[in-house]
Protein backbone atom coordinates (compact mmCIF):
# COMPACT_ATOMS: atom_id res chain seq x y z
CA MET A 1 25.12 -22.44 -109.06
CA ASN A 2 28.43 -22.80 -107.22
CA VAL A 3 29.00 -20.64 -104.14
CA PHE A 4 32.36 -19.69 -102.61
CA VAL A 5 32.28 -19.10 -98.85
CA TYR A 6 35.07 -17.68 -96.73
CA GLY A 7 33.65 -16.71 -93.33
CA THR A 8 30.97 -17.86 -90.92
CA LEU A 9 29.51 -20.22 -93.52
CA LEU A 10 32.68 -22.33 -93.26
CA VAL A 11 31.29 -23.57 -89.93
CA PRO A 12 29.23 -26.64 -90.90
CA LYS A 13 26.39 -25.99 -88.44
CA ILE A 14 26.01 -22.42 -89.75
CA TRP A 15 26.04 -23.58 -93.39
CA ASP A 16 23.44 -26.24 -92.55
CA ALA A 17 21.20 -23.85 -90.58
CA VAL A 18 21.21 -21.25 -93.35
CA THR A 19 21.01 -23.40 -96.47
CA HIS A 20 19.23 -26.55 -95.22
CA CYS A 21 21.68 -28.40 -97.52
CA PRO A 22 24.09 -30.32 -95.27
CA ASP A 23 25.14 -32.86 -97.87
CA LEU A 24 26.24 -30.71 -100.80
CA ASP A 25 29.57 -31.49 -102.41
CA SER A 26 32.23 -28.95 -101.53
CA GLU A 27 35.97 -28.52 -101.87
CA ALA A 28 38.66 -26.29 -100.44
CA ALA A 29 39.26 -23.34 -102.75
CA GLU A 30 41.10 -20.04 -102.99
CA LEU A 31 40.16 -16.68 -104.44
CA THR A 32 43.07 -14.64 -105.77
CA GLY A 33 43.06 -10.84 -105.82
CA TYR A 34 40.87 -10.42 -102.73
CA ALA A 35 41.53 -9.83 -99.02
CA LYS A 36 39.39 -10.73 -96.00
CA TYR A 37 38.82 -8.26 -93.15
CA ARG A 38 36.56 -8.15 -90.14
CA VAL A 39 33.46 -6.03 -90.63
CA ARG A 40 33.48 -2.99 -88.33
CA GLY A 41 31.62 -3.70 -85.08
CA ALA A 42 30.93 -7.32 -86.07
CA ASP A 43 32.44 -10.78 -85.68
CA TYR A 44 32.15 -11.78 -89.34
CA PRO A 45 34.24 -10.89 -92.39
CA GLY A 46 33.91 -9.29 -95.77
CA ILE A 47 36.12 -9.66 -98.78
CA VAL A 48 37.20 -6.87 -101.06
CA GLU A 49 39.33 -6.64 -104.19
CA ALA A 50 43.00 -6.29 -103.28
CA ASP A 51 46.48 -6.79 -104.71
CA SER A 52 46.78 -9.54 -107.28
CA ASP A 53 48.92 -11.60 -104.90
CA SER A 54 46.31 -11.54 -102.10
CA ILE A 55 44.50 -14.83 -101.48
CA VAL A 56 41.33 -15.68 -99.57
CA SER A 57 40.93 -19.30 -98.54
CA GLY A 58 37.50 -20.87 -98.32
CA ARG A 59 35.24 -23.57 -99.76
CA ILE A 60 33.27 -23.87 -102.94
CA PHE A 61 29.89 -25.52 -102.60
CA LEU A 62 28.82 -27.12 -105.85
CA LYS A 63 25.37 -27.01 -107.43
CA VAL A 64 23.71 -25.04 -104.64
CA PRO A 65 19.93 -25.18 -105.16
CA ASP A 66 18.09 -21.93 -105.93
CA ALA A 67 16.15 -22.09 -102.65
CA ALA A 68 19.42 -22.31 -100.71
CA VAL A 69 20.84 -19.35 -102.66
CA ARG A 70 17.76 -17.32 -101.68
CA ARG A 71 18.37 -18.25 -98.03
CA LEU A 72 22.03 -17.22 -98.39
CA ASP A 73 20.97 -13.89 -99.91
CA ALA A 74 18.68 -13.31 -96.91
CA TYR A 75 21.43 -14.31 -94.43
CA GLU A 76 24.06 -11.96 -95.84
CA ASP A 77 23.97 -8.27 -94.95
CA SER A 78 22.60 -5.90 -97.57
CA PHE A 79 25.99 -4.23 -98.19
CA TYR A 80 27.38 -7.40 -99.82
CA GLU A 81 27.17 -7.89 -103.56
CA ARG A 82 26.94 -11.46 -104.84
CA LEU A 83 29.42 -11.57 -107.71
CA PRO A 84 30.49 -14.31 -110.11
CA LEU A 85 34.21 -14.98 -109.62
CA THR A 86 36.78 -17.61 -110.54
CA VAL A 87 38.20 -19.71 -107.70
CA ARG A 88 41.00 -22.25 -107.73
CA LEU A 89 40.79 -25.70 -106.17
CA THR A 90 43.78 -27.29 -104.45
CA ASP A 91 44.53 -29.33 -107.58
CA GLY A 92 44.71 -26.14 -109.65
CA THR A 93 41.32 -26.53 -111.33
CA LYS A 94 39.49 -23.23 -111.81
CA LEU A 95 35.72 -23.01 -111.31
CA GLU A 96 33.17 -20.22 -111.46
CA ALA A 97 31.35 -19.46 -108.22
CA ASP A 98 29.34 -16.63 -106.75
CA ALA A 99 30.80 -14.93 -103.65
CA TYR A 100 29.48 -12.24 -101.33
CA CYS A 101 31.84 -9.25 -101.68
CA VAL A 102 32.09 -5.76 -100.26
CA PRO A 103 32.21 -3.15 -103.04
CA VAL A 104 35.57 -1.37 -103.17
CA GLU A 105 33.92 2.05 -102.89
CA LYS A 106 32.20 1.02 -99.62
CA ALA A 107 35.05 -0.99 -98.10
CA ALA A 108 36.60 1.80 -95.99
CA ALA A 109 33.28 2.44 -94.26
CA ILE A 110 32.37 -1.25 -93.80
CA LEU A 111 35.61 -3.10 -93.17
CA GLY A 112 38.13 -2.57 -90.41
CA LYS A 113 41.86 -3.16 -90.79
CA GLU A 114 41.80 -6.38 -88.74
CA LEU A 115 42.18 -9.56 -90.76
CA TRP A 116 39.51 -12.18 -90.02
CA THR A 117 40.37 -15.84 -89.45
CA LEU A 118 38.17 -18.84 -88.89
CA ASP A 119 40.34 -19.91 -85.92
CA TRP A 120 39.73 -16.55 -84.20
CA PHE A 121 36.00 -16.77 -84.90
CA GLU A 122 35.68 -20.31 -83.55
CA ASP A 123 37.74 -19.49 -80.44
CA HIS A 124 36.24 -16.09 -79.57
CA ALA A 125 32.94 -15.39 -81.28
CA LEU A 126 31.16 -18.50 -82.56
CA ASP A 127 28.96 -19.11 -79.52
CA SER A 128 27.70 -15.53 -79.23
CA PHE A 129 27.30 -15.26 -83.02
CA TRP A 130 25.28 -18.47 -83.10
CA THR A 131 22.99 -17.25 -80.33
CA SER A 132 22.43 -13.84 -81.92
CA ALA A 133 21.91 -15.22 -85.43
CA PHE A 134 19.90 -18.34 -84.67
CA GLY A 135 18.67 -17.88 -81.10
CA ARG A 136 19.60 -21.38 -80.00
């Protein structure tokens, strides 16, 4: 299975700690028709369906083993739904990948209005997130 990631799992040490698969092939990818917001009261994001011109940047990890997918399912909060979506690589190729999404009907209660960026996370929240999630 291919998996599209767009948030904390873009940080290599977090991907490695969760999946135990540091050497999987991956490529930069985009998901059209979704937007990425910070989860209320948290330092991580959620994506939700949005205008057709909205784009979420991330990475697609290819051929993720079933055991790693189970670890990803356990890592992600229970409000996410893992959905099969079509992402676009930088060369225009389209691939199917599962992504963890916030259901539209729950988005107002779960997501704030603040956009989430990897730069912000790495600069302001990575260290505390790492300690709270992994205790090291």
